[in-house]
Amino acid sequence: METKNKRINPFKLLANRTIGLARTNSQNVGLENTYDDYLSGVTGKRLMRRIAGGTYMPVEGYDIEPENGKDVITTLDVNMQDIVETALMRMMVQNECVHGTAILMEVKTGKVKAIANLGRQSDGSYWEDMNHAIQKGEPGSTFKLATMIALLEDGYITPTRS
């Protein structure tokens, strides 16, 4: 009997790339790529001896039992993920963006609750094609705003004095 594995995504495309894509060309991404050694487990093996009639018998004492892979537990929240992806999609379509990223983090703990990455495809649709959050590029005014807020909060400047 031949074993066949089938991938089931109970939440369809939610966090699809973040969780991971198992590709036939072995260019896996996401958590599945990062933690592949932990998730894989060990394939069992059995030494077989050929006997008369072309049949095989297992040789006792030469079995390697299979081991299940480990579990990876994330802080992603499926409900928050749905909200973040929907909001990002709405903004992307409304503004005809090339790509966009939204990351929702619980500030107190640093737990990432949702990650959404969308890029415009050649047909104009949007798809989670790449992790744009870690791509090199011009940060624009995002860092200027964060720096300004930090300076204001720490009292180095005031709204009337620069």
N, C-alpha and C. Protein backbone atom coordinates (compact mmCIF):
# COMPACT_ATOMS: atom_id res chain seq x y z
N MET A 1 0.84 -1.18 0.00
CA MET A 1 0.00 0.00 0.00
C MET A 1 0.89 1.25 0.00
N GLU A 2 0.60 2.17 -0.89
CA GLU A 2 1.39 3.38 -1.02
C GLU A 2 0.72 4.52 -0.25
N THR A 3 1.49 5.23 0.55
CA THR A 3 0.97 6.36 1.32
C THR A 3 1.07 7.62 0.48
N LYS A 4 -0.01 8.39 0.45
CA LYS A 4 0.00 9.67 -0.25
C LYS A 4 -0.42 10.76 0.74
N ASN A 5 0.36 11.82 0.75
CA ASN A 5 0.03 12.96 1.60
C ASN A 5 -0.76 13.98 0.82
N LYS A 6 -1.70 14.61 1.50
CA LYS A 6 -2.50 15.65 0.86
C LYS A 6 -2.57 16.85 1.80
N ARG A 7 -2.29 18.01 1.25
CA ARG A 7 -2.34 19.22 2.04
C ARG A 7 -3.78 19.72 2.14
N ILE A 8 -4.18 20.04 3.36
CA ILE A 8 -5.51 20.60 3.58
C ILE A 8 -5.33 21.94 4.26
N ASN A 9 -5.87 22.99 3.67
CA ASN A 9 -5.83 24.33 4.26
C ASN A 9 -7.23 24.66 4.77
N PRO A 10 -7.51 24.41 6.04
CA PRO A 10 -8.87 24.64 6.55
C PRO A 10 -9.31 26.10 6.47
N PHE A 11 -8.36 27.03 6.46
CA PHE A 11 -8.70 28.45 6.40
C PHE A 11 -8.37 29.02 5.02
N LYS A 12 -8.33 28.16 4.02
CA LYS A 12 -8.08 28.53 2.62
C LYS A 12 -6.77 29.30 2.50
N LEU A 13 -6.83 30.55 2.05
CA LEU A 13 -5.60 31.30 1.78
C LEU A 13 -5.10 32.14 2.95
N LEU A 14 -5.80 32.12 4.10
CA LEU A 14 -5.36 32.93 5.23
C LEU A 14 -3.94 32.54 5.65
N ALA A 15 -3.06 33.50 5.66
CA ALA A 15 -1.66 33.33 6.07
C ALA A 15 -0.99 32.19 5.32
N ASN A 16 -1.44 31.93 4.12
CA ASN A 16 -0.96 30.80 3.32
C ASN A 16 0.56 30.81 3.16
N ARG A 17 1.11 31.92 2.76
CA ARG A 17 2.56 32.00 2.53
C ARG A 17 3.32 32.07 3.85
N THR A 18 2.77 32.71 4.86
CA THR A 18 3.43 32.81 6.16
C THR A 18 3.58 31.43 6.78
N ILE A 19 2.52 30.65 6.74
CA ILE A 19 2.57 29.29 7.28
C ILE A 19 3.49 28.44 6.42
N GLY A 20 3.35 28.56 5.12
CA GLY A 20 4.29 27.89 4.24
C GLY A 20 3.64 27.27 3.03
N LEU A 21 4.41 27.22 1.99
CA LEU A 21 3.99 26.58 0.75
C LEU A 21 4.95 25.43 0.49
N ALA A 22 4.41 24.24 0.35
CA ALA A 22 5.24 23.09 -0.01
C ALA A 22 5.21 22.98 -1.52
N ARG A 23 6.31 23.27 -2.14
CA ARG A 23 6.38 23.29 -3.59
C ARG A 23 7.11 22.06 -4.11
N THR A 24 6.76 21.65 -5.29
CA THR A 24 7.42 20.49 -5.88
C THR A 24 8.85 20.80 -6.29
N ASN A 25 9.17 22.08 -6.52
CA ASN A 25 10.54 22.43 -6.91
C ASN A 25 11.44 22.69 -5.70
N SER A 26 10.98 22.33 -4.53
CA SER A 26 11.71 22.41 -3.25
C SER A 26 12.09 23.83 -2.84
N GLN A 27 11.43 24.84 -3.39
CA GLN A 27 11.64 26.21 -2.93
C GLN A 27 10.55 26.56 -1.94
N ASN A 28 10.56 25.87 -0.80
CA ASN A 28 9.56 26.10 0.22
C ASN A 28 9.79 27.45 0.88
N VAL A 29 8.73 28.01 1.43
CA VAL A 29 8.82 29.31 2.09
C VAL A 29 8.05 29.26 3.40
N GLY A 30 8.15 30.31 4.18
CA GLY A 30 7.38 30.44 5.40
C GLY A 30 7.90 29.58 6.54
N LEU A 31 7.01 29.35 7.51
CA LEU A 31 7.38 28.57 8.68
C LEU A 31 7.77 27.15 8.32
N GLU A 32 7.13 26.60 7.30
CA GLU A 32 7.47 25.23 6.87
C GLU A 32 8.91 25.15 6.40
N ASN A 33 9.39 26.17 5.75
CA ASN A 33 10.78 26.18 5.31
C ASN A 33 11.72 26.35 6.50
N THR A 34 11.41 27.31 7.35
CA THR A 34 12.26 27.61 8.49
C THR A 34 12.38 26.43 9.45
N TYR A 35 11.27 25.76 9.71
CA TYR A 35 11.25 24.69 10.70
C TYR A 35 11.13 23.29 10.08
N ASP A 36 11.55 23.16 8.84
CA ASP A 36 11.41 21.89 8.13
C ASP A 36 12.05 20.72 8.87
N ASP A 37 13.22 20.93 9.47
CA ASP A 37 13.90 19.85 10.19
C ASP A 37 13.07 19.37 11.38
N TYR A 38 12.37 20.28 12.05
CA TYR A 38 11.54 19.91 13.20
C TYR A 38 10.24 19.25 12.77
N LEU A 39 9.67 19.73 11.66
CA LEU A 39 8.38 19.24 11.20
C LEU A 39 8.46 17.88 10.52
N SER A 40 9.59 17.57 9.91
CA SER A 40 9.71 16.39 9.05
C SER A 40 9.59 15.06 9.77
N GLY A 41 10.17 14.92 10.92
CA GLY A 41 10.19 13.63 11.58
C GLY A 41 11.20 12.71 10.92
N VAL A 42 11.08 11.41 11.18
CA VAL A 42 12.01 10.42 10.65
C VAL A 42 11.21 9.33 9.95
N THR A 43 11.60 9.00 8.75
CA THR A 43 10.97 7.92 8.01
C THR A 43 11.44 6.59 8.57
N GLY A 44 10.52 5.68 8.78
CA GLY A 44 10.88 4.36 9.27
C GLY A 44 11.53 3.52 8.18
N LYS A 45 12.36 2.56 8.59
CA LYS A 45 13.03 1.68 7.64
C LYS A 45 13.00 0.26 8.19
N ARG A 46 12.99 -0.68 7.28
CA ARG A 46 12.98 -2.08 7.68
C ARG A 46 13.88 -2.86 6.71
N LEU A 47 14.77 -3.65 7.28
CA LEU A 47 15.62 -4.50 6.47
C LEU A 47 14.82 -5.74 6.10
N MET A 48 14.78 -6.04 4.81
CA MET A 48 14.01 -7.18 4.32
C MET A 48 14.97 -8.17 3.66
N ARG A 49 14.66 -9.44 3.81
CA ARG A 49 15.46 -10.51 3.18
C ARG A 49 14.59 -11.21 2.14
N ARG A 50 15.18 -11.41 1.00
CA ARG A 50 14.45 -12.12 -0.06
C ARG A 50 14.55 -13.62 0.19
N ILE A 51 13.39 -14.25 0.11
CA ILE A 51 13.38 -15.71 0.32
C ILE A 51 12.81 -16.37 -0.93
N ALA A 52 12.72 -17.67 -0.87
CA ALA A 52 12.25 -18.45 -2.02
C ALA A 52 10.90 -17.95 -2.51
N GLY A 53 10.73 -17.99 -3.80
CA GLY A 53 9.46 -17.57 -4.40
C GLY A 53 9.40 -16.08 -4.66
N GLY A 54 10.51 -15.37 -4.43
CA GLY A 54 10.54 -13.94 -4.71
C GLY A 54 9.83 -13.08 -3.67
N THR A 55 9.54 -13.64 -2.50
CA THR A 55 8.89 -12.84 -1.45
C THR A 55 9.95 -12.33 -0.49
N TYR A 56 9.56 -11.37 0.30
CA TYR A 56 10.47 -10.75 1.26
C TYR A 56 9.94 -10.92 2.67
N MET A 57 10.87 -11.12 3.59
CA MET A 57 10.54 -11.25 5.02
C MET A 57 11.36 -10.22 5.79
N PRO A 58 10.77 -9.58 6.79
CA PRO A 58 11.55 -8.63 7.60
C PRO A 58 12.59 -9.37 8.44
N VAL A 59 13.75 -8.73 8.59
CA VAL A 59 14.81 -9.27 9.43
C VAL A 59 14.65 -8.64 10.81
N GLU A 60 14.42 -9.48 11.81
CA GLU A 60 14.17 -8.97 13.16
C GLU A 60 15.38 -8.23 13.71
N GLY A 61 15.11 -7.17 14.44
CA GLY A 61 16.18 -6.40 15.06
C GLY A 61 16.79 -5.33 14.17
N TYR A 62 16.29 -5.19 12.94
CA TYR A 62 16.86 -4.20 12.03
C TYR A 62 15.81 -3.19 11.58
N ASP A 63 14.85 -2.91 12.43
CA ASP A 63 13.81 -1.94 12.11
C ASP A 63 14.17 -0.58 12.69
N ILE A 64 13.89 0.45 11.96
CA ILE A 64 13.98 1.82 12.48
C ILE A 64 12.55 2.34 12.47
N GLU A 65 12.02 2.57 13.64
CA GLU A 65 10.64 3.02 13.75
C GLU A 65 10.50 4.46 13.25
N PRO A 66 9.41 4.75 12.56
CA PRO A 66 9.19 6.14 12.14
C PRO A 66 8.89 7.03 13.34
N GLU A 67 9.25 8.28 13.23
CA GLU A 67 8.96 9.26 14.29
C GLU A 67 8.22 10.44 13.69
N ASN A 68 7.14 10.84 14.33
CA ASN A 68 6.41 12.01 13.88
C ASN A 68 7.26 13.26 14.06
N GLY A 69 7.02 14.24 13.21
CA GLY A 69 7.70 15.52 13.36
C GLY A 69 7.12 16.29 14.55
N LYS A 70 7.79 17.33 14.92
CA LYS A 70 7.34 18.17 16.04
C LYS A 70 6.28 19.16 15.55
N ASP A 71 5.54 19.72 16.47
CA ASP A 71 4.56 20.75 16.16
C ASP A 71 5.20 22.12 16.31
N VAL A 72 4.76 23.06 15.51
CA VAL A 72 5.16 24.46 15.65
C VAL A 72 3.91 25.24 16.01
N ILE A 73 3.96 25.93 17.11
CA ILE A 73 2.81 26.71 17.57
C ILE A 73 3.12 28.18 17.36
N THR A 74 2.21 28.86 16.67
CA THR A 74 2.41 30.29 16.40
C THR A 74 1.46 31.13 17.25
N THR A 75 1.67 32.41 17.20
CA THR A 75 0.77 33.35 17.89
C THR A 75 -0.24 33.95 16.93
N LEU A 76 -0.24 33.49 15.68
CA LEU A 76 -1.21 34.01 14.70
C LEU A 76 -2.62 33.69 15.16
N ASP A 77 -3.51 34.64 14.97
CA ASP A 77 -4.92 34.49 15.34
C ASP A 77 -5.73 34.53 14.04
N VAL A 78 -6.44 33.45 13.75
CA VAL A 78 -7.15 33.34 12.46
C VAL A 78 -8.18 34.45 12.26
N ASN A 79 -8.84 34.88 13.32
CA ASN A 79 -9.83 35.96 13.19
C ASN A 79 -9.15 37.29 12.88
N MET A 80 -8.08 37.58 13.57
CA MET A 80 -7.34 38.82 13.31
C MET A 80 -6.70 38.76 11.92
N GLN A 81 -6.21 37.59 11.54
CA GLN A 81 -5.61 37.42 10.22
C GLN A 81 -6.63 37.75 9.13
N ASP A 82 -7.84 37.29 9.30
CA ASP A 82 -8.90 37.56 8.33
C ASP A 82 -9.18 39.06 8.22
N ILE A 83 -9.25 39.73 9.34
CA ILE A 83 -9.51 41.17 9.36
C ILE A 83 -8.37 41.93 8.68
N VAL A 84 -7.13 41.58 9.02
CA VAL A 84 -5.96 42.27 8.47
C VAL A 84 -5.87 42.05 6.96
N GLU A 85 -6.05 40.80 6.50
CA GLU A 85 -5.97 40.53 5.07
C GLU A 85 -7.08 41.24 4.30
N THR A 86 -8.27 41.26 4.85
CA THR A 86 -9.40 41.94 4.19
C THR A 86 -9.14 43.43 4.09
N ALA A 87 -8.66 44.04 5.18
CA ALA A 87 -8.38 45.48 5.18
C ALA A 87 -7.26 45.81 4.20
N LEU A 88 -6.22 44.99 4.19
CA LEU A 88 -5.12 45.24 3.25
C LEU A 88 -5.59 45.11 1.81
N MET A 89 -6.38 44.09 1.52
CA MET A 89 -6.91 43.91 0.16
C MET A 89 -7.74 45.12 -0.25
N ARG A 90 -8.60 45.59 0.64
CA ARG A 90 -9.45 46.74 0.33
C ARG A 90 -8.60 47.96 -0.02
N MET A 91 -7.57 48.22 0.77
CA MET A 91 -6.69 49.38 0.52
C MET A 91 -5.89 49.20 -0.76
N MET A 92 -5.43 47.98 -1.00
CA MET A 92 -4.65 47.71 -2.21
C MET A 92 -5.48 47.98 -3.47
N VAL A 93 -6.70 47.48 -3.48
CA VAL A 93 -7.59 47.67 -4.64
C VAL A 93 -7.96 49.13 -4.79
N GLN A 94 -8.35 49.75 -3.69
CA GLN A 94 -8.79 51.15 -3.71
C GLN A 94 -7.70 52.09 -4.22
N ASN A 95 -6.45 51.81 -3.86
CA ASN A 95 -5.34 52.70 -4.22
C ASN A 95 -4.49 52.17 -5.37
N GLU A 96 -4.89 51.05 -5.96
CA GLU A 96 -4.17 50.43 -7.07
C GLU A 96 -2.68 50.26 -6.76
N CYS A 97 -2.40 49.70 -5.59
CA CYS A 97 -1.03 49.52 -5.13
C CYS A 97 -0.33 48.38 -5.87
N VAL A 98 0.99 48.46 -5.89
CA VAL A 98 1.80 47.41 -6.49
C VAL A 98 1.98 46.27 -5.49
N HIS A 99 2.29 46.61 -4.26
CA HIS A 99 2.37 45.61 -3.20
C HIS A 99 2.17 46.29 -1.85
N GLY A 100 1.83 45.49 -0.85
CA GLY A 100 1.61 46.04 0.48
C GLY A 100 1.74 44.97 1.55
N THR A 101 2.00 45.43 2.76
CA THR A 101 2.18 44.55 3.90
C THR A 101 1.46 45.14 5.10
N ALA A 102 0.87 44.27 5.89
CA ALA A 102 0.28 44.68 7.16
C ALA A 102 0.68 43.64 8.20
N ILE A 103 1.22 44.12 9.31
CA ILE A 103 1.61 43.25 10.41
C ILE A 103 0.91 43.75 11.66
N LEU A 104 0.19 42.86 12.33
CA LEU A 104 -0.51 43.20 13.56
C LEU A 104 0.22 42.51 14.71
N MET A 105 0.70 43.33 15.64
CA MET A 105 1.49 42.79 16.75
C MET A 105 0.89 43.25 18.07
N GLU A 106 0.87 42.36 19.03
CA GLU A 106 0.47 42.71 20.38
C GLU A 106 1.67 43.39 21.02
N VAL A 107 1.58 44.69 21.21
CA VAL A 107 2.74 45.48 21.62
C VAL A 107 3.28 45.04 22.98
N LYS A 108 2.42 44.74 23.91
CA LYS A 108 2.85 44.38 25.26
C LYS A 108 3.74 43.14 25.28
N THR A 109 3.41 42.16 24.45
CA THR A 109 4.14 40.88 24.46
C THR A 109 5.06 40.68 23.26
N GLY A 110 4.83 41.43 22.18
CA GLY A 110 5.60 41.24 20.95
C GLY A 110 5.08 40.10 20.09
N LYS A 111 3.95 39.52 20.48
CA LYS A 111 3.38 38.41 19.71
C LYS A 111 2.77 38.93 18.41
N VAL A 112 3.16 38.30 17.32
CA VAL A 112 2.60 38.65 16.02
C VAL A 112 1.27 37.93 15.88
N LYS A 113 0.20 38.70 15.69
CA LYS A 113 -1.14 38.13 15.60
C LYS A 113 -1.59 37.92 14.16
N ALA A 114 -1.05 38.71 13.23
CA ALA A 114 -1.42 38.56 11.81
C ALA A 114 -0.34 39.17 10.93
N ILE A 115 -0.14 38.55 9.78
CA ILE A 115 0.79 39.06 8.77
C ILE A 115 0.11 38.90 7.42
N ALA A 116 0.02 39.98 6.68
CA ALA A 116 -0.58 39.91 5.34
C ALA A 116 0.37 40.58 4.35
N ASN A 117 0.61 39.93 3.24
CA ASN A 117 1.45 40.44 2.16
C ASN A 117 0.71 40.23 0.85
N LEU A 118 0.50 41.29 0.11
CA LEU A 118 -0.17 41.17 -1.18
C LEU A 118 0.63 41.89 -2.26
N GLY A 119 0.66 41.30 -3.42
CA GLY A 119 1.30 41.91 -4.57
C GLY A 119 0.37 41.82 -5.77
N ARG A 120 0.41 42.85 -6.61
CA ARG A 120 -0.44 42.85 -7.80
C ARG A 120 0.15 41.92 -8.86
N GLN A 121 -0.71 41.09 -9.41
CA GLN A 121 -0.31 40.12 -10.44
C GLN A 121 -0.48 40.76 -11.82
N SER A 122 0.00 40.09 -12.84
CA SER A 122 -0.05 40.64 -14.20
C SER A 122 -1.49 40.84 -14.69
N ASP A 123 -2.44 40.07 -14.15
CA ASP A 123 -3.84 40.23 -14.56
C ASP A 123 -4.58 41.28 -13.73
N GLY A 124 -3.87 41.96 -12.81
CA GLY A 124 -4.49 43.01 -11.99
C GLY A 124 -5.03 42.51 -10.67
N SER A 125 -5.08 41.21 -10.46
CA SER A 125 -5.56 40.67 -9.18
C SER A 125 -4.43 40.75 -8.16
N TYR A 126 -4.76 40.49 -6.90
CA TYR A 126 -3.78 40.51 -5.84
C TYR A 126 -3.64 39.12 -5.24
N TRP A 127 -2.40 38.80 -4.86
CA TRP A 127 -2.10 37.47 -4.36
C TRP A 127 -0.97 37.59 -3.34
N GLU A 128 -0.94 36.69 -2.37
CA GLU A 128 0.15 36.65 -1.41
C GLU A 128 1.36 36.03 -2.09
N ASP A 129 2.08 36.84 -2.85
CA ASP A 129 3.13 36.34 -3.72
C ASP A 129 4.52 36.38 -3.10
N MET A 130 4.72 37.22 -2.09
CA MET A 130 6.06 37.42 -1.56
C MET A 130 5.95 38.08 -0.19
N ASN A 131 6.92 37.86 0.67
CA ASN A 131 6.93 38.53 1.96
C ASN A 131 7.56 39.90 1.78
N HIS A 132 6.73 40.87 1.46
CA HIS A 132 7.23 42.23 1.19
C HIS A 132 7.75 42.91 2.45
N ALA A 133 7.39 42.41 3.62
CA ALA A 133 7.84 43.03 4.88
C ALA A 133 9.35 42.93 5.07
N ILE A 134 9.97 41.93 4.47
CA ILE A 134 11.41 41.75 4.67
C ILE A 134 12.22 42.09 3.42
N GLN A 135 11.58 42.67 2.42
CA GLN A 135 12.29 43.06 1.21
C GLN A 135 13.02 44.38 1.41
N LYS A 136 14.18 44.51 0.80
CA LYS A 136 14.92 45.76 0.88
C LYS A 136 14.22 46.79 0.02
N GLY A 137 14.20 48.00 0.51
CA GLY A 137 13.59 49.07 -0.26
C GLY A 137 13.58 50.36 0.53
N GLU A 138 13.21 51.41 -0.12
CA GLU A 138 13.12 52.73 0.50
C GLU A 138 12.02 52.73 1.55
N PRO A 139 12.37 53.04 2.81
CA PRO A 139 11.34 53.03 3.85
C PRO A 139 10.38 54.21 3.77
N GLY A 140 10.73 55.21 2.98
CA GLY A 140 9.83 56.35 2.86
C GLY A 140 9.72 57.10 4.17
N SER A 141 8.53 57.61 4.44
CA SER A 141 8.32 58.45 5.62
C SER A 141 8.00 57.65 6.87
N THR A 142 7.92 56.35 6.78
CA THR A 142 7.58 55.54 7.95
C THR A 142 8.58 55.75 9.08
N PHE A 143 9.88 55.72 8.77
CA PHE A 143 10.88 55.86 9.80
C PHE A 143 10.94 57.30 10.33
N LYS A 144 10.65 58.26 9.47
CA LYS A 144 10.63 59.65 9.93
C LYS A 144 9.56 59.82 10.99
N LEU A 145 8.39 59.24 10.78
CA LEU A 145 7.30 59.34 11.73
C LEU A 145 7.66 58.66 13.05
N ALA A 146 8.22 57.46 12.99
CA ALA A 146 8.60 56.74 14.21
C ALA A 146 9.66 57.52 14.98
N THR A 147 10.62 58.10 14.28
CA THR A 147 11.66 58.89 14.92
C THR A 147 11.07 60.13 15.58
N MET A 148 10.17 60.81 14.88
CA MET A 148 9.52 62.02 15.43
C MET A 148 8.74 61.69 16.68
N ILE A 149 7.99 60.60 16.67
CA ILE A 149 7.19 60.21 17.84
C ILE A 149 8.11 59.91 19.03
N ALA A 150 9.20 59.19 18.78
CA ALA A 150 10.14 58.87 19.86
C ALA A 150 10.76 60.14 20.44
N LEU A 151 11.15 61.09 19.58
CA LEU A 151 11.73 62.35 20.05
C LEU A 151 10.73 63.15 20.88
N LEU A 152 9.48 63.18 20.45
CA LEU A 152 8.43 63.88 21.19
C LEU A 152 8.18 63.21 22.54
N GLU A 153 8.07 61.88 22.54
CA GLU A 153 7.79 61.14 23.78
C GLU A 153 8.92 61.29 24.80
N ASP A 154 10.15 61.31 24.33
CA ASP A 154 11.30 61.42 25.23
C ASP A 154 11.64 62.86 25.61
N GLY A 155 10.90 63.83 25.06
CA GLY A 155 11.07 65.22 25.43
C GLY A 155 12.24 65.92 24.79
N TYR A 156 12.85 65.34 23.78
CA TYR A 156 13.97 65.99 23.10
C TYR A 156 13.53 67.15 22.23
N ILE A 157 12.30 67.11 21.76
CA ILE A 157 11.73 68.21 20.99
C ILE A 157 10.29 68.40 21.43
N THR A 158 9.73 69.55 21.08
CA THR A 158 8.32 69.82 21.33
C THR A 158 7.67 70.15 19.99
N PRO A 159 6.35 70.17 19.93
CA PRO A 159 5.69 70.49 18.66
C PRO A 159 6.05 71.89 18.15
N THR A 160 6.43 72.79 19.03
CA THR A 160 6.76 74.14 18.60
C THR A 160 8.26 74.38 18.43
N ARG A 161 9.09 73.44 18.88
CA ARG A 161 10.54 73.59 18.78
C ARG A 161 11.15 72.35 18.15
N SER A 162 12.03 72.56 17.17
CA SER A 162 12.65 71.41 16.53
C SER A 162 14.08 71.25 16.97
